[in-house]
């Protein structure tokens, strides 16, 4: 029998269609774990990331109906990673172990039992890893594969086919809270903690209702954060790109001079070809990479708060939450 307190952290953004079903499923998980003696207590923490629909009013209704449900409303939409961070920060103060999962429950809740088993055996971090990506389009599968390979080639630790479905002990959560950066990519930050880890494999399900909150634009932005938040190798690649461009420019110069000598070409064509296609391209690529890093430095040095809490609801613990999360 174990008496640890489990907190399931669920970031939400415009999830009004899913919340009732999600609550029913997660309450069943908590009850199953408690009856099986794997945990002593369990709570579900919904983190409303500035939703524009009825998400928060539904969360308030659910907290009144179920003691095991509580809610954290952020004052503004800060993005999935910051919302998840807010939930983990609260969980590190009020629980022994947390499991983060998206509100759409495409991640298999049955895998939670195995995650908790690993925790009870002494594991600090347990990753939920997809066996396959059958529910994704061919384009998304290929781009995801390219991203994971690129991040690994950059020298970063990242778990392939793992998103943000993971278990973390209190020790792991508090270690994560020691990271001061504002440009967050939790999939890359958590492996850097270095505590004991394990993986649980599962099959991802189709979304039951609502729409995905991660269109291609957000996936691309997350990928850029993952690449530029942990590695300076893209800056080093600028040197390599520069040398390659110089070599190509030499070849192009020879070709253009030969074409100028033996062919009828328009006056000025040679110089335009060389300057536009090689030197201009190399400069734009280099400036773009440098600009990405400068932008991150700019956001970091301002040290703005990651989020502000507008409202907290939890029948049995409201005063404690309000004290710990006073903006």
Protein backbone atom coordinates (compact mmCIF):
# COMPACT_ATOMS: atom_id res chain seq x y z
CA UNK A 1 0.00 0.00 0.00
CA UNK A 2 1.29 3.45 -0.94
CA UNK A 3 0.11 6.79 0.44
CA UNK A 4 1.53 9.25 -2.10
CA UNK A 5 -0.61 12.09 -3.43
CA UNK A 6 -0.96 12.11 -7.21
CA UNK A 7 -1.86 15.27 -9.13
CA UNK A 8 -2.87 14.91 -12.78
CA UNK A 9 -2.04 18.20 -14.53
CA UNK A 10 -4.24 18.98 -17.54
CA UNK A 11 -3.53 22.17 -19.56
CA UNK A 12 -6.69 23.42 -21.30
CA UNK A 13 -7.30 25.87 -24.10
CA UNK A 14 -10.82 26.01 -25.56
CA UNK A 15 -11.64 22.45 -24.49
CA UNK A 16 -15.32 22.85 -23.56
CA UNK A 17 -16.33 19.83 -25.66
CA UNK A 18 -13.92 17.48 -23.89
CA UNK A 19 -13.91 18.43 -20.21
CA UNK A 20 -16.84 16.35 -18.98
CA UNK A 21 -15.57 13.22 -20.70
CA UNK A 22 -11.97 13.92 -19.60
CA UNK A 23 -13.06 14.34 -15.98
CA UNK A 24 -15.03 11.11 -16.03
CA UNK A 25 -12.06 9.19 -17.43
CA UNK A 26 -9.46 10.68 -15.08
CA UNK A 27 -11.64 10.27 -12.01
CA UNK A 28 -11.96 6.60 -12.92
CA UNK A 29 -8.15 6.41 -13.17
CA UNK A 30 -7.71 8.03 -9.74
CA UNK A 31 -10.30 5.73 -8.18
CA UNK A 32 -8.68 2.65 -9.74
CA UNK A 33 -5.23 3.62 -8.48
CA UNK A 34 -6.54 4.39 -5.00
CA UNK A 35 -8.50 1.13 -4.71
CA UNK A 36 -5.47 -0.78 -5.94
CA UNK A 37 -3.34 0.72 -3.17
CA UNK A 38 -0.98 2.41 -5.64
CA UNK A 39 -1.67 5.93 -4.33
CA UNK A 40 -3.17 7.40 -1.18
CA UNK A 41 -4.93 10.37 -2.79
CA UNK A 42 -5.45 11.77 -6.26
CA UNK A 43 -6.48 15.14 -7.70
CA UNK A 44 -7.08 16.51 -11.19
CA UNK A 45 -5.73 20.03 -11.79
CA UNK A 46 -7.12 21.80 -14.84
CA UNK A 47 -5.02 24.78 -15.98
CA UNK A 48 -7.09 27.12 -18.13
CA UNK A 49 -4.70 28.88 -20.50
CA UNK A 50 -6.86 31.94 -21.21
CA UNK A 51 -9.61 30.03 -23.03
CA UNK A 52 -12.17 32.04 -24.99
CA UNK A 53 -15.02 29.56 -24.71
CA UNK A 54 -16.83 28.09 -21.70
CA UNK A 55 -13.84 26.07 -20.50
CA UNK A 56 -13.43 27.90 -17.19
CA UNK A 57 -17.11 27.88 -16.25
CA UNK A 58 -17.15 24.12 -16.86
CA UNK A 59 -14.05 23.72 -14.67
CA UNK A 60 -15.76 25.67 -11.89
CA UNK A 61 -18.82 23.42 -12.17
CA UNK A 62 -16.64 20.31 -12.05
CA UNK A 63 -14.81 21.51 -8.92
CA UNK A 64 -18.15 21.96 -7.17
CA UNK A 65 -19.29 18.49 -8.23
CA UNK A 66 -16.08 16.57 -7.43
CA UNK A 67 -13.70 17.03 -4.50
CA UNK A 68 -10.87 15.56 -6.55
CA UNK A 69 -11.06 18.32 -9.21
CA UNK A 70 -9.44 21.75 -8.89
CA UNK A 71 -8.81 24.54 -11.35
CA UNK A 72 -6.20 27.18 -12.06
CA UNK A 73 -7.18 30.05 -14.38
CA UNK A 74 -4.34 32.00 -15.97
CA UNK A 75 -4.93 35.69 -16.60
CA UNK A 76 -3.78 35.47 -20.22
CA UNK A 77 -3.03 32.93 -22.89
CA UNK A 78 0.65 32.11 -22.34
CA UNK A 79 0.96 28.96 -24.43
CA UNK A 80 0.86 25.25 -23.70
CA UNK A 81 4.37 24.98 -22.23
CA UNK A 82 3.90 27.85 -19.74
CA UNK A 83 0.45 26.58 -18.77
CA UNK A 84 1.91 23.14 -18.14
CA UNK A 85 4.70 24.73 -16.11
CA UNK A 86 2.11 26.53 -13.94
CA UNK A 87 0.38 23.23 -13.22
CA UNK A 88 3.63 21.46 -12.41
CA UNK A 89 4.66 24.30 -10.12
CA UNK A 90 1.45 23.92 -8.13
CA UNK A 91 1.81 20.13 -8.12
CA UNK A 92 5.35 20.41 -6.75
CA UNK A 93 3.95 22.34 -3.78
CA UNK A 94 0.90 20.21 -3.07
CA UNK A 95 1.61 16.69 -4.28
CA UNK A 96 4.13 13.87 -4.18
CA UNK A 97 3.95 12.98 -7.85
CA UNK A 98 2.40 14.48 -10.98
CA UNK A 99 1.28 13.18 -14.35
CA UNK A 100 0.78 15.67 -17.17
CA UNK A 101 -1.65 14.85 -19.96
CA UNK A 102 -3.51 16.85 -22.60
CA UNK A 103 -7.23 17.44 -22.20
CA UNK A 104 -8.11 15.65 -25.44
CA UNK A 105 -7.01 12.32 -23.85
CA UNK A 106 -5.42 11.09 -27.06
CA UNK A 107 -2.73 9.77 -24.74
CA UNK A 108 -3.81 6.43 -23.28
CA UNK A 109 -4.95 6.77 -19.67
CA UNK A 110 -4.40 3.03 -19.17
CA UNK A 111 -0.66 3.74 -19.32
CA UNK A 112 -0.93 5.76 -16.11
CA UNK A 113 -1.12 2.57 -14.03
CA UNK A 114 2.24 1.40 -15.35
CA UNK A 115 3.72 4.86 -14.83
CA UNK A 116 2.68 4.85 -11.18
CA UNK A 117 4.13 1.34 -10.79
CA UNK A 118 7.51 2.64 -11.95
CA UNK A 119 7.23 5.56 -9.52
CA UNK A 120 6.45 3.25 -6.62
CA UNK A 121 9.58 1.29 -7.54
CA UNK A 122 11.68 4.44 -7.14
CA UNK A 123 11.70 5.99 -10.63
CA UNK A 124 11.57 9.80 -10.69
CA UNK A 125 10.58 10.41 -14.32
CA UNK A 126 8.45 8.16 -16.53
CA UNK A 127 7.93 9.10 -20.18
CA UNK A 128 4.80 8.15 -22.09
CA UNK A 129 6.07 7.14 -25.54
CA UNK A 130 3.94 6.47 -28.59
CA UNK A 131 4.54 3.13 -30.30
CA UNK A 132 3.52 4.44 -33.71
CA UNK A 133 2.08 7.60 -35.27
CA UNK A 134 -0.87 6.04 -37.10
CA UNK A 135 -3.23 8.88 -36.19
CA UNK A 136 -0.94 11.48 -37.83
CA UNK A 137 -0.84 12.41 -41.48
CA UNK A 138 2.13 11.29 -43.59
CA UNK A 139 3.42 14.87 -43.64
CA UNK A 140 3.28 15.17 -39.85
CA UNK A 141 4.99 11.80 -39.38
CA UNK A 142 7.86 12.72 -41.67
CA UNK A 143 8.37 16.21 -40.25
CA UNK A 144 8.29 14.84 -36.68
CA UNK A 145 10.90 12.24 -37.60
CA UNK A 146 13.09 14.93 -39.17
CA UNK A 147 12.75 17.11 -36.07
CA UNK A 148 13.74 14.38 -33.60
CA UNK A 149 16.73 13.39 -35.76
CA UNK A 150 17.85 17.01 -36.09
CA UNK A 151 17.62 17.66 -32.34
CA UNK A 152 19.65 14.53 -31.61
CA UNK A 153 22.28 15.53 -34.18
CA UNK A 154 22.53 18.85 -32.36
CA UNK A 155 23.62 16.88 -29.31
CA UNK A 156 20.41 17.18 -27.28
CA UNK A 157 18.72 14.51 -25.19
CA UNK A 158 15.16 14.00 -26.36
CA UNK A 159 12.89 10.98 -26.16
CA UNK A 160 11.64 9.98 -29.60
CA UNK A 161 7.82 10.03 -29.97
CA UNK A 162 7.37 11.54 -26.52
CA UNK A 163 5.35 14.73 -26.12
CA UNK A 164 4.28 15.98 -22.68
CA UNK A 165 2.64 12.85 -21.30
CA UNK A 166 4.94 12.06 -18.38
CA UNK A 167 5.15 11.30 -14.68
CA UNK A 168 7.43 13.32 -12.43
CA UNK A 169 8.21 12.85 -8.75
CA UNK A 170 8.25 15.86 -6.42
CA UNK A 171 12.04 15.78 -6.50
CA UNK A 172 12.03 15.92 -10.30
CA UNK A 173 9.43 18.71 -10.39
CA UNK A 174 11.42 20.84 -7.96
CA UNK A 175 14.57 20.25 -9.97
CA UNK A 176 12.68 21.43 -13.07
CA UNK A 177 11.51 24.56 -11.23
CA UNK A 178 15.16 25.52 -10.75
CA UNK A 179 15.44 26.26 -14.47
CA UNK A 180 15.21 30.05 -14.85
CA UNK A 181 14.62 30.38 -18.60
CA UNK A 182 11.45 31.78 -20.16
CA UNK A 183 11.91 30.12 -23.57
CA UNK A 184 10.66 26.71 -22.51
CA UNK A 185 10.77 23.40 -24.32
CA UNK A 186 9.91 20.88 -21.61
CA UNK A 187 10.63 17.85 -23.80
CA UNK A 188 14.25 18.95 -23.85
CA UNK A 189 14.46 20.34 -20.31
CA UNK A 190 13.17 17.29 -18.42
CA UNK A 191 15.82 14.86 -19.75
CA UNK A 192 18.49 17.31 -18.56
CA UNK A 193 17.43 16.78 -14.94
CA UNK A 194 19.29 13.48 -14.93
CA UNK A 195 17.26 11.53 -12.36
CA UNK A 196 16.16 7.93 -12.83
CA UNK A 197 13.88 7.45 -15.85
CA UNK A 198 11.73 4.83 -17.52
CA UNK A 199 9.45 4.65 -20.57
CA UNK A 200 5.91 3.38 -20.93
CA UNK A 201 4.73 2.64 -24.48
CA UNK A 202 1.16 3.14 -25.67
CA UNK A 203 -0.98 3.66 -28.77
CA UNK A 204 -2.29 7.18 -29.28
CA UNK A 205 -6.02 7.53 -29.91
CA UNK A 206 -8.04 9.81 -32.16
CA UNK A 207 -9.39 13.05 -30.68
CA UNK A 208 -13.02 12.51 -29.62
CA UNK A 209 -14.24 16.11 -29.90
CA UNK A 210 -13.02 19.61 -30.65
CA UNK A 211 -10.07 20.58 -32.80
CA UNK A 212 -6.33 20.22 -32.36
CA UNK A 213 -4.76 23.19 -30.58
CA UNK A 214 -1.44 22.54 -32.32
CA UNK A 215 -1.73 23.50 -36.01
CA UNK A 216 1.36 23.48 -38.19
CA UNK A 217 2.31 27.05 -37.26
CA UNK A 218 2.44 26.21 -33.54
CA UNK A 219 4.23 22.93 -34.19
CA UNK A 220 6.85 24.83 -36.21
CA UNK A 221 7.27 27.42 -33.44
CA UNK A 222 7.66 24.65 -30.85
CA UNK A 223 10.24 22.94 -33.06
CA UNK A 224 12.22 26.19 -33.37
CA UNK A 225 12.15 26.59 -29.58
CA UNK A 226 13.39 23.03 -29.21
CA UNK A 227 16.29 23.62 -31.58
CA UNK A 228 17.42 27.08 -30.49
CA UNK A 229 16.77 26.79 -26.75
CA UNK A 230 19.38 24.11 -26.13
CA UNK A 231 22.04 24.23 -28.80
CA UNK A 232 24.38 26.80 -30.34
CA UNK A 233 25.35 24.52 -33.20
CA UNK A 234 23.17 26.41 -35.71
CA UNK A 235 25.44 29.39 -35.04
CA UNK A 236 28.44 27.20 -35.75
CA UNK A 237 26.79 26.01 -38.94
CA UNK A 238 26.84 29.60 -40.17
CA UNK A 239 30.62 29.33 -40.49
CA UNK A 240 30.29 26.09 -42.43
CA UNK A 241 27.56 27.56 -44.61
CA UNK A 242 29.75 30.58 -45.27
CA UNK A 243 32.68 28.46 -46.44
CA UNK A 244 30.39 26.32 -48.61
CA UNK A 245 28.88 29.44 -50.15
CA UNK A 246 32.33 30.84 -50.84
CA UNK A 247 33.29 27.59 -52.60
CA UNK A 248 30.09 27.60 -54.63
CA UNK A 249 30.58 31.26 -55.44
CA UNK A 250 34.03 30.45 -56.84
CA UNK A 251 32.56 27.71 -59.01
CA UNK A 252 29.72 29.98 -60.11
CA UNK A 253 32.20 32.76 -60.86
CA UNK A 254 34.22 30.49 -63.13
CA UNK A 255 31.04 29.34 -64.89
CA UNK A 256 29.75 32.89 -65.31
CA UNK A 257 33.09 34.12 -66.67
CA UNK A 258 33.20 31.26 -69.17
CA UNK A 259 29.61 32.01 -70.19
CA UNK A 260 30.50 35.68 -70.51
CA UNK A 261 33.55 34.88 -72.64
CA UNK A 262 32.03 32.37 -75.03
CA UNK A 263 28.29 33.12 -74.99
CA UNK A 264 26.11 36.08 -75.72
CA UNK A 265 24.83 37.15 -72.30
CA UNK A 266 23.08 40.30 -71.17
CA UNK A 267 25.39 42.92 -69.75
CA UNK A 268 25.47 42.65 -65.92
CA UNK A 269 24.07 39.09 -65.81
CA UNK A 270 27.28 37.60 -64.44
CA UNK A 271 27.62 39.89 -61.43
CA UNK A 272 23.91 39.69 -60.58
CA UNK A 273 23.91 35.88 -60.64
CA UNK A 274 26.88 35.65 -58.32
CA UNK A 275 25.71 38.25 -55.80
CA UNK A 276 22.03 37.34 -55.54
CA UNK A 277 22.13 33.56 -55.50
CA UNK A 278 25.10 33.03 -53.24
CA UNK A 279 26.19 35.93 -51.13
CA UNK A 280 22.66 37.24 -50.54
CA UNK A 281 21.32 33.81 -49.61
CA UNK A 282 24.15 33.11 -47.19
CA UNK A 283 23.64 36.47 -45.47
CA UNK A 284 19.90 35.99 -45.04
CA UNK A 285 20.29 32.52 -43.58
CA UNK A 286 22.98 33.71 -41.20
CA UNK A 287 21.03 36.76 -40.08
CA UNK A 288 17.92 34.67 -39.55
CA UNK A 289 19.70 32.22 -37.25
CA UNK A 290 21.45 34.98 -35.32
CA UNK A 291 18.17 36.88 -35.04
CA UNK A 292 16.46 33.86 -33.49
CA UNK A 293 19.09 33.69 -30.76
CA UNK A 294 19.10 37.44 -30.18
CA UNK A 295 15.31 37.34 -29.82
CA UNK A 296 15.59 34.65 -27.16
CA UNK A 297 18.25 36.63 -25.30
CA UNK A 298 15.95 39.66 -25.42
CA UNK A 299 13.08 37.70 -23.86
CA UNK A 300 15.31 36.14 -21.22
CA UNK A 301 17.00 39.32 -19.98
CA UNK A 302 13.65 41.04 -19.36
CA UNK A 303 12.84 38.32 -16.79
CA UNK A 304 9.10 38.81 -17.14
CA UNK A 305 6.85 36.45 -15.12
CA UNK A 306 5.88 33.31 -16.97
CA UNK A 307 2.23 33.73 -16.05
CA UNK A 308 -0.26 35.38 -13.68
CA UNK A 309 -3.06 33.53 -11.95
CA UNK A 310 -6.47 35.17 -12.22
CA UNK A 311 -8.52 32.67 -10.23
CA UNK A 312 -8.15 29.44 -8.27
CA UNK A 313 -10.88 27.02 -7.35
CA UNK A 314 -10.49 24.10 -4.98
CA UNK A 315 -13.01 23.52 -2.23
CA UNK A 316 -10.59 22.08 0.31
CA UNK A 317 -7.38 23.94 -0.47
CA UNK A 318 -8.34 27.34 -1.89
CA UNK A 319 -6.54 29.46 0.74
CA UNK A 320 -3.28 27.55 0.36
CA UNK A 321 -3.41 27.86 -3.42
CA UNK A 322 -4.15 31.55 -3.22
CA UNK A 323 -1.22 32.17 -0.88
CA UNK A 324 1.27 30.17 -2.92
CA UNK A 325 0.21 31.67 -6.23
CA UNK A 326 -0.32 35.29 -5.36
CA UNK A 327 0.93 37.27 -8.42
